[in-house]
């Protein structure tokens, strides 16, 4: 008997997280979707997953509030037991993020700390806390950024945090390989979402500039990234681990 696979996706109420949830559901994976503040959006994602014939639950989580992780893990355990009759899940997607753009000369310590609290410390310690619940043979996907390969002024703190995520990805791949767990980083290029106040989606001139820099001549959409994550964790690519996989439409090649 095949065990139903379950994915836990942080920040799944909108954008890349929402797309990932729906793409995974479309490939037969159930979903635990987290959200920080917008429960209505999270409920809509749960309903959309259920329309695809899969089971989903939404749990509140602020990845920047590291002291909440023990209580969150207990909620995950309860959901797994009550909804699935299991004590583990199979895929962890560390997607939740925070946006901050400022030149180095204008970067505040508070802004820097927020970015690292969410993208580095949050990913590190949430993954640590959830490891006992992650099934052997499972997958961890960390979300990085194309900005670790190419650069734009004003993103030094954000890019540095994502650089740390990529290094962490390689180390975790080595540490968790004995359990058959793959750990990879997906690095999106420019995607039209609400992230960063939706500046790419709202700015037509910026979109034109991005289009001119991609091999496909267009701005990325959430499903470009969500589909790539789903393909990675539902394929037979168990030999792929510790890798940075850029999903940018060939941006700035």
C-alpha atoms as a PDB file:
ATOM      1  CA  UNK A   1       0.000   0.000   0.000  1.00  0.00           C
ATOM      2  CA  UNK A   2       1.407   3.392  -1.058  1.00  0.00           C
ATOM      3  CA  UNK A   3       1.397   6.100   1.612  1.00  0.00           C
ATOM      4  CA  UNK A   4      -0.245   9.357   0.558  1.00  0.00           C
ATOM      5  CA  UNK A   5       2.456  12.009   0.203  1.00  0.00           C
ATOM      6  CA  UNK A   6       2.064  15.271   2.119  1.00  0.00           C
ATOM      7  CA  UNK A   7       3.869  18.577   1.577  1.00  0.00           C
ATOM      8  CA  UNK A   8       4.262  21.407   4.082  1.00  0.00           C
ATOM      9  CA  UNK A   9       4.654  24.766   2.326  1.00  0.00           C
ATOM     10  CA  UNK A  10       5.393  27.943   4.243  1.00  0.00           C
ATOM     11  CA  UNK A  11       3.823  31.157   3.003  1.00  0.00           C
ATOM     12  CA  UNK A  12       1.375  29.215   0.849  1.00  0.00           C
ATOM     13  CA  UNK A  13      -1.493  31.702   0.886  1.00  0.00           C
ATOM     14  CA  UNK A  14      -0.277  33.678  -2.135  1.00  0.00           C
ATOM     15  CA  UNK A  15       2.321  33.954  -4.879  1.00  0.00           C
ATOM     16  CA  UNK A  16       4.895  31.212  -5.307  1.00  0.00           C
ATOM     17  CA  UNK A  17       3.668  29.328  -2.241  1.00  0.00           C
ATOM     18  CA  UNK A  18       0.110  29.194  -3.517  1.00  0.00           C
ATOM     19  CA  UNK A  19       1.262  28.078  -6.941  1.00  0.00           C
ATOM     20  CA  UNK A  20       3.442  25.393  -5.382  1.00  0.00           C
ATOM     21  CA  UNK A  21       0.523  24.097  -3.323  1.00  0.00           C
ATOM     22  CA  UNK A  22      -1.744  23.838  -6.363  1.00  0.00           C
ATOM     23  CA  UNK A  23       0.914  22.307  -8.602  1.00  0.00           C
ATOM     24  CA  UNK A  24       1.724  19.687  -5.978  1.00  0.00           C
ATOM     25  CA  UNK A  25      -1.969  18.952  -5.471  1.00  0.00           C
ATOM     26  CA  UNK A  26      -2.306  18.549  -9.214  1.00  0.00           C
ATOM     27  CA  UNK A  27       0.324  15.826  -9.007  1.00  0.00           C
ATOM     28  CA  UNK A  28      -1.472  14.000  -6.217  1.00  0.00           C
ATOM     29  CA  UNK A  29       0.219  15.452  -3.113  1.00  0.00           C
ATOM     30  CA  UNK A  30      -1.756  16.655  -0.086  1.00  0.00           C
ATOM     31  CA  UNK A  31      -0.880  20.011   1.458  1.00  0.00           C
ATOM     32  CA  UNK A  32      -0.239  21.676   4.793  1.00  0.00           C
ATOM     33  CA  UNK A  33      -0.276  25.384   3.909  1.00  0.00           C
ATOM     34  CA  UNK A  34       1.031  28.017   6.294  1.00  0.00           C
ATOM     35  CA  UNK A  35       0.164  31.687   6.340  1.00  0.00           C
ATOM     36  CA  UNK A  36       1.304  34.569   8.513  1.00  0.00           C
ATOM     37  CA  UNK A  37      -1.715  36.855   8.656  1.00  0.00           C
ATOM     38  CA  UNK A  38      -4.190  36.360   5.841  1.00  0.00           C
ATOM     39  CA  UNK A  39      -6.340  33.428   6.856  1.00  0.00           C
ATOM     40  CA  UNK A  40      -8.902  34.150   4.133  1.00  0.00           C
ATOM     41  CA  UNK A  41      -6.320  33.678   1.413  1.00  0.00           C
ATOM     42  CA  UNK A  42      -5.133  30.477   3.086  1.00  0.00           C
ATOM     43  CA  UNK A  43      -8.699  29.167   3.221  1.00  0.00           C
ATOM     44  CA  UNK A  44      -9.030  29.849  -0.510  1.00  0.00           C
ATOM     45  CA  UNK A  45      -5.894  27.804  -1.158  1.00  0.00           C
ATOM     46  CA  UNK A  46      -7.277  24.929   0.927  1.00  0.00           C
ATOM     47  CA  UNK A  47     -10.516  25.057  -1.070  1.00  0.00           C
ATOM     48  CA  UNK A  48      -8.604  25.093  -4.379  1.00  0.00           C
ATOM     49  CA  UNK A  49      -6.512  22.088  -3.324  1.00  0.00           C
ATOM     50  CA  UNK A  50      -9.667  20.228  -2.316  1.00  0.00           C
ATOM     51  CA  UNK A  51     -11.215  21.008  -5.711  1.00  0.00           C
ATOM     52  CA  UNK A  52      -8.269  19.144  -7.198  1.00  0.00           C
ATOM     53  CA  UNK A  53      -9.254  16.113  -5.131  1.00  0.00           C
ATOM     54  CA  UNK A  54      -6.612  16.412  -2.473  1.00  0.00           C
ATOM     55  CA  UNK A  55      -6.677  17.042   1.288  1.00  0.00           C
ATOM     56  CA  UNK A  56      -5.347  20.302   2.746  1.00  0.00           C
ATOM     57  CA  UNK A  57      -5.144  22.192   6.018  1.00  0.00           C
ATOM     58  CA  UNK A  58      -3.979  25.735   6.767  1.00  0.00           C
ATOM     59  CA  UNK A  59      -1.889  26.588   9.839  1.00  0.00           C
ATOM     60  CA  UNK A  60      -0.792  30.029  11.017  1.00  0.00           C
ATOM     61  CA  UNK A  61       2.976  30.564  11.181  1.00  0.00           C
ATOM     62  CA  UNK A  62       5.279  33.582  11.347  1.00  0.00           C
ATOM     63  CA  UNK A  63       8.664  32.278  10.186  1.00  0.00           C
ATOM     64  CA  UNK A  64      10.308  35.301  11.789  1.00  0.00           C
ATOM     65  CA  UNK A  65       8.937  34.326  15.223  1.00  0.00           C
ATOM     66  CA  UNK A  66      11.347  31.539  16.097  1.00  0.00           C
ATOM     67  CA  UNK A  67       9.913  31.076  19.570  1.00  0.00           C
ATOM     68  CA  UNK A  68       6.661  29.838  18.018  1.00  0.00           C
ATOM     69  CA  UNK A  69       8.201  26.840  16.257  1.00  0.00           C
ATOM     70  CA  UNK A  70       7.635  24.319  19.068  1.00  0.00           C
ATOM     71  CA  UNK A  71       3.928  25.128  19.223  1.00  0.00           C
ATOM     72  CA  UNK A  72       3.704  25.069  15.423  1.00  0.00           C
ATOM     73  CA  UNK A  73       5.325  21.627  15.259  1.00  0.00           C
ATOM     74  CA  UNK A  74       2.762  20.372  17.733  1.00  0.00           C
ATOM     75  CA  UNK A  75      -0.006  21.708  15.466  1.00  0.00           C
ATOM     76  CA  UNK A  76       1.561  19.878  12.535  1.00  0.00           C
ATOM     77  CA  UNK A  77       1.689  16.658  14.543  1.00  0.00           C
ATOM     78  CA  UNK A  78      -1.980  17.037  15.441  1.00  0.00           C
ATOM     79  CA  UNK A  79      -2.987  17.733  11.838  1.00  0.00           C
ATOM     80  CA  UNK A  80      -1.005  14.752  10.577  1.00  0.00           C
ATOM     81  CA  UNK A  81      -2.593  12.440  13.120  1.00  0.00           C
ATOM     82  CA  UNK A  82      -6.165  13.692  12.760  1.00  0.00           C
ATOM     83  CA  UNK A  83      -6.324  14.251   8.987  1.00  0.00           C
ATOM     84  CA  UNK A  84      -3.983  11.591   7.670  1.00  0.00           C
ATOM     85  CA  UNK A  85      -3.408   9.094  10.470  1.00  0.00           C
ATOM     86  CA  UNK A  86       0.330   9.676  10.112  1.00  0.00           C
ATOM     87  CA  UNK A  87       3.198  10.959  12.227  1.00  0.00           C
ATOM     88  CA  UNK A  88       5.273  12.363   9.367  1.00  0.00           C
ATOM     89  CA  UNK A  89       5.112  14.371   6.135  1.00  0.00           C
ATOM     90  CA  UNK A  90       7.191  14.048   2.975  1.00  0.00           C
ATOM     91  CA  UNK A  91       8.063  17.425   1.448  1.00  0.00           C
ATOM     92  CA  UNK A  92       9.116  20.670   3.149  1.00  0.00           C
ATOM     93  CA  UNK A  93       9.108  23.812   1.005  1.00  0.00           C
ATOM     94  CA  UNK A  94      10.702  26.758   2.811  1.00  0.00           C
ATOM     95  CA  UNK A  95       9.008  29.467   0.772  1.00  0.00           C
ATOM     96  CA  UNK A  96       7.842  32.178   3.224  1.00  0.00           C
ATOM     97  CA  UNK A  97       9.754  35.394   2.765  1.00  0.00           C
ATOM     98  CA  UNK A  98      10.063  39.074   3.463  1.00  0.00           C
ATOM     99  CA  UNK A  99      11.090  41.810   1.039  1.00  0.00           C
ATOM    100  CA  UNK A 100      13.560  44.592   1.738  1.00  0.00           C
ATOM    101  CA  UNK A 101      15.290  46.796  -0.803  1.00  0.00           C
ATOM    102  CA  UNK A 102      17.836  49.475   0.066  1.00  0.00           C
ATOM    103  CA  UNK A 103      21.306  50.506  -0.965  1.00  0.00           C
ATOM    104  CA  UNK A 104      24.020  49.442   1.449  1.00  0.00           C
ATOM    105  CA  UNK A 105      24.437  53.051   2.568  1.00  0.00           C
ATOM    106  CA  UNK A 106      20.726  53.221   3.459  1.00  0.00           C
ATOM    107  CA  UNK A 107      20.194  49.735   4.919  1.00  0.00           C
ATOM    108  CA  UNK A 108      19.023  49.826   8.518  1.00  0.00           C
ATOM    109  CA  UNK A 109      19.928  47.252  11.132  1.00  0.00           C
ATOM    110  CA  UNK A 110      16.219  46.589  11.687  1.00  0.00           C
ATOM    111  CA  UNK A 111      15.677  45.897   7.981  1.00  0.00           C
ATOM    112  CA  UNK A 112      18.743  43.678   7.810  1.00  0.00           C
ATOM    113  CA  UNK A 113      17.646  41.736  10.891  1.00  0.00           C
ATOM    114  CA  UNK A 114      14.145  41.174   9.525  1.00  0.00           C
ATOM    115  CA  UNK A 115      15.504  39.690   6.302  1.00  0.00           C
ATOM    116  CA  UNK A 116      17.932  37.379   8.087  1.00  0.00           C
ATOM    117  CA  UNK A 117      15.392  36.426  10.759  1.00  0.00           C
ATOM    118  CA  UNK A 118      12.983  35.178   8.098  1.00  0.00           C
ATOM    119  CA  UNK A 119      15.194  33.915   5.309  1.00  0.00           C
ATOM    120  CA  UNK A 120      18.124  32.474   7.254  1.00  0.00           C
ATOM    121  CA  UNK A 121      17.377  31.969  10.931  1.00  0.00           C
ATOM    122  CA  UNK A 122      13.743  31.080  10.220  1.00  0.00           C
ATOM    123  CA  UNK A 123      14.626  28.525   7.539  1.00  0.00           C
ATOM    124  CA  UNK A 124      17.416  27.073   9.669  1.00  0.00           C
ATOM    125  CA  UNK A 125      15.509  26.589  12.897  1.00  0.00           C
ATOM    126  CA  UNK A 126      12.134  25.698  11.377  1.00  0.00           C
ATOM    127  CA  UNK A 127      13.793  22.962   9.341  1.00  0.00           C
ATOM    128  CA  UNK A 128      15.624  21.804  12.461  1.00  0.00           C
ATOM    129  CA  UNK A 129      12.377  21.628  14.431  1.00  0.00           C
ATOM    130  CA  UNK A 130      10.477  19.802  11.694  1.00  0.00           C
ATOM    131  CA  UNK A 131      13.185  17.249  10.884  1.00  0.00           C
ATOM    132  CA  UNK A 132      11.763  14.653  13.313  1.00  0.00           C
ATOM    133  CA  UNK A 133       8.462  14.887  11.404  1.00  0.00           C
ATOM    134  CA  UNK A 134      10.013  14.696   7.919  1.00  0.00           C
ATOM    135  CA  UNK A 135       9.865  11.175   6.532  1.00  0.00           C
ATOM    136  CA  UNK A 136      12.997   9.352   5.418  1.00  0.00           C
ATOM    137  CA  UNK A 137      13.239   9.551   1.654  1.00  0.00           C
ATOM    138  CA  UNK A 138      11.579  12.968   1.696  1.00  0.00           C
ATOM    139  CA  UNK A 139      12.504  16.289   0.133  1.00  0.00           C
ATOM    140  CA  UNK A 140      13.444  19.764   1.336  1.00  0.00           C
ATOM    141  CA  UNK A 141      13.173  22.647  -1.125  1.00  0.00           C
ATOM    142  CA  UNK A 142      14.540  26.032  -0.094  1.00  0.00           C
ATOM    143  CA  UNK A 143      13.617  29.131  -2.086  1.00  0.00           C
ATOM    144  CA  UNK A 144      16.587  31.252  -3.103  1.00  0.00           C
ATOM    145  CA  UNK A 145      16.767  33.964  -5.785  1.00  0.00           C
ATOM    146  CA  UNK A 146      18.376  34.700  -9.112  1.00  0.00           C
ATOM    147  CA  UNK A 147      20.032  37.613  -7.297  1.00  0.00           C
ATOM    148  CA  UNK A 148      22.703  35.263  -5.957  1.00  0.00           C
ATOM    149  CA  UNK A 149      24.000  34.941  -9.551  1.00  0.00           C
ATOM    150  CA  UNK A 150      23.263  38.360 -11.056  1.00  0.00           C
ATOM    151  CA  UNK A 151      23.014  41.633  -9.159  1.00  0.00           C
ATOM    152  CA  UNK A 152      20.919  44.776  -8.958  1.00  0.00           C
ATOM    153  CA  UNK A 153      21.648  47.744  -6.671  1.00  0.00           C
ATOM    154  CA  UNK A 154      19.551  47.827  -3.529  1.00  0.00           C
ATOM    155  CA  UNK A 155      19.361  44.116  -2.762  1.00  0.00           C
ATOM    156  CA  UNK A 156      22.555  43.500  -0.791  1.00  0.00           C
ATOM    157  CA  UNK A 157      20.846  42.270   2.405  1.00  0.00           C
ATOM    158  CA  UNK A 158      18.284  40.126   0.563  1.00  0.00           C
ATOM    159  CA  UNK A 159      20.849  38.564  -1.778  1.00  0.00           C
ATOM    160  CA  UNK A 160      23.247  37.910   1.087  1.00  0.00           C
ATOM    161  CA  UNK A 161      20.523  36.127   3.045  1.00  0.00           C
ATOM    162  CA  UNK A 162      19.652  33.954   0.058  1.00  0.00           C
ATOM    163  CA  UNK A 163      23.353  33.222  -0.453  1.00  0.00           C
ATOM    164  CA  UNK A 164      23.359  31.838   3.077  1.00  0.00           C
ATOM    165  CA  UNK A 165      20.325  29.707   2.208  1.00  0.00           C
ATOM    166  CA  UNK A 166      22.191  28.192  -0.728  1.00  0.00           C
ATOM    167  CA  UNK A 167      25.191  27.286   1.419  1.00  0.00           C
ATOM    168  CA  UNK A 168      22.841  25.839   4.047  1.00  0.00           C
ATOM    169  CA  UNK A 169      21.184  23.786   1.300  1.00  0.00           C
ATOM    170  CA  UNK A 170      24.470  22.103   0.391  1.00  0.00           C
ATOM    171  CA  UNK A 171      25.352  21.303   4.001  1.00  0.00           C
ATOM    172  CA  UNK A 172      21.890  19.920   4.771  1.00  0.00           C
ATOM    173  CA  UNK A 173      22.044  17.743   1.648  1.00  0.00           C
ATOM    174  CA  UNK A 174      25.170  16.143   3.080  1.00  0.00           C
ATOM    175  CA  UNK A 175      23.793  15.835   6.606  1.00  0.00           C
ATOM    176  CA  UNK A 176      20.442  14.358   5.535  1.00  0.00           C
ATOM    177  CA  UNK A 177      21.684  12.144   2.733  1.00  0.00           C
ATOM    178  CA  UNK A 178      21.901   9.193   5.104  1.00  0.00           C
ATOM    179  CA  UNK A 179      18.125   9.381   5.525  1.00  0.00           C
ATOM    180  CA  UNK A 180      17.576   9.513   1.786  1.00  0.00           C
ATOM    181  CA  UNK A 181      16.319  13.106   1.991  1.00  0.00           C
ATOM    182  CA  UNK A 182      17.099  15.410  -0.921  1.00  0.00           C
ATOM    183  CA  UNK A 183      17.775  19.095  -0.236  1.00  0.00           C
ATOM    184  CA  UNK A 184      17.797  21.561  -3.116  1.00  0.00           C
ATOM    185  CA  UNK A 185      17.392  25.294  -3.658  1.00  0.00           C
ATOM    186  CA  UNK A 186      15.102  26.724  -6.329  1.00  0.00           C
ATOM    187  CA  UNK A 187      16.257  30.194  -7.426  1.00  0.00           C
ATOM    188  CA  UNK A 188      13.488  32.153  -9.182  1.00  0.00           C
ATOM    189  CA  UNK A 189      14.208  35.028 -11.501  1.00  0.00           C
ATOM    190  CA  UNK A 190      11.869  37.994 -11.802  1.00  0.00           C
ATOM    191  CA  UNK A 191       8.299  36.821 -11.189  1.00  0.00           C
ATOM    192  CA  UNK A 192       5.109  38.878 -11.290  1.00  0.00           C
ATOM    193  CA  UNK A 193       3.637  38.320  -7.821  1.00  0.00           C
ATOM    194  CA  UNK A 194       2.587  40.436  -4.825  1.00  0.00           C
ATOM    195  CA  UNK A 195       6.076  40.017  -3.310  1.00  0.00           C
ATOM    196  CA  UNK A 196       7.785  43.332  -2.655  1.00  0.00           C
ATOM    197  CA  UNK A 197       4.462  45.173  -2.927  1.00  0.00           C
ATOM    198  CA  UNK A 198       3.996  43.694  -6.395  1.00  0.00           C
ATOM    199  CA  UNK A 199       6.496  46.093  -7.964  1.00  0.00           C
ATOM    200  CA  UNK A 200       7.223  43.818 -10.939  1.00  0.00           C
ATOM    201  CA  UNK A 201       3.547  43.111 -11.599  1.00  0.00           C
ATOM    202  CA  UNK A 202       2.616  46.802 -11.349  1.00  0.00           C
ATOM    203  CA  UNK A 203       5.500  48.428 -13.237  1.00  0.00           C
ATOM    204  CA  UNK A 204       5.109  48.087 -17.026  1.00  0.00           C
ATOM    205  CA  UNK A 205       8.486  49.688 -17.742  1.00  0.00           C
ATOM    206  CA  UNK A 206      10.233  47.304 -15.371  1.00  0.00           C
ATOM    207  CA  UNK A 207       8.503  44.381 -17.059  1.00  0.00           C
ATOM    208  CA  UNK A 208       9.785  45.522 -20.445  1.00  0.00           C
ATOM    209  CA  UNK A 209      13.330  45.749 -19.069  1.00  0.00           C
ATOM    210  CA  UNK A 210      13.080  42.241 -17.638  1.00  0.00           C
ATOM    211  CA  UNK A 211      11.608  40.838 -20.835  1.00  0.00           C
ATOM    212  CA  UNK A 212      14.634  42.111 -22.727  1.00  0.00           C
ATOM    213  CA  UNK A 213      16.929  40.168 -20.390  1.00  0.00           C
ATOM    214  CA  UNK A 214      15.301  36.732 -20.570  1.00  0.00           C
ATOM    215  CA  UNK A 215      15.751  34.005 -23.168  1.00  0.00           C
ATOM    216  CA  UNK A 216      11.970  33.592 -23.443  1.00  0.00           C
ATOM    217  CA  UNK A 217      11.273  37.312 -23.654  1.00  0.00           C
ATOM    218  CA  UNK A 218       8.762  37.510 -20.824  1.00  0.00           C
ATOM    219  CA  UNK A 219       8.436  38.006 -17.076  1.00  0.00           C
ATOM    220  CA  UNK A 220       8.033  34.881 -14.975  1.00  0.00           C
ATOM    221  CA  UNK A 221       4.662  33.784 -13.601  1.00  0.00           C
ATOM    222  CA  UNK A 222       4.085  31.947 -10.299  1.00  0.00           C
ATOM    223  CA  UNK A 223       3.289  28.671 -12.065  1.00  0.00           C
ATOM    224  CA  UNK A 224       6.698  28.732 -13.750  1.00  0.00           C
ATOM    225  CA  UNK A 225       8.240  28.307 -10.314  1.00  0.00           C
ATOM    226  CA  UNK A 226       5.502  26.243  -8.663  1.00  0.00           C
ATOM    227  CA  UNK A 227       5.586  23.855 -11.580  1.00  0.00           C
ATOM    228  CA  UNK A 228       9.362  23.473 -11.327  1.00  0.00           C
ATOM    229  CA  UNK A 229       9.139  22.658  -7.617  1.00  0.00           C
ATOM    230  CA  UNK A 230       6.404  20.107  -8.258  1.00  0.00           C
ATOM    231  CA  UNK A 231       8.441  18.527 -11.041  1.00  0.00           C
ATOM    232  CA  UNK A 232      11.497  18.280  -8.804  1.00  0.00           C
ATOM    233  CA  UNK A 233       9.797  16.509  -5.918  1.00  0.00           C
ATOM    234  CA  UNK A 234       7.521  14.258  -7.971  1.00  0.00           C
ATOM    235  CA  UNK A 235      10.063  13.010 -10.499  1.00  0.00           C
ATOM    236  CA  UNK A 236      12.494  10.135 -10.160  1.00  0.00           C
ATOM    237  CA  UNK A 237      15.415  12.552  -9.705  1.00  0.00           C
ATOM    238  CA  UNK A 238      16.531  11.145  -6.369  1.00  0.00           C
ATOM    239  CA  UNK A 239      20.148  11.599  -7.450  1.00  0.00           C
ATOM    240  CA  UNK A 240      19.734  15.393  -7.495  1.00  0.00           C
ATOM    241  CA  UNK A 241      20.605  16.942  -4.130  1.00  0.00           C
ATOM    242  CA  UNK A 242      22.573  19.896  -2.804  1.00  0.00           C
ATOM    243  CA  UNK A 243      21.899  21.849  -5.986  1.00  0.00           C
ATOM    244  CA  UNK A 244      20.926  25.408  -6.841  1.00  0.00           C
ATOM    245  CA  UNK A 245      18.368  25.172  -9.647  1.00  0.00           C
ATOM    246  CA  UNK A 246      17.647  28.510 -11.265  1.00  0.00           C
ATOM    247  CA  UNK A 247      14.127  29.016 -12.655  1.00  0.00           C
ATOM    248  CA  UNK A 248      14.462  32.356 -14.404  1.00  0.00           C
ATOM    249  CA  UNK A 249      13.583  31.828 -18.050  1.00  0.00           C
ATOM    250  CA  UNK A 250      17.244  32.320 -18.894  1.00  0.00           C
ATOM    251  CA  UNK A 251      17.563  35.738 -17.307  1.00  0.00           C
ATOM    252  CA  UNK A 252      20.842  37.608 -17.937  1.00  0.00           C
ATOM    253  CA  UNK A 253      22.614  34.656 -19.554  1.00  0.00           C
END
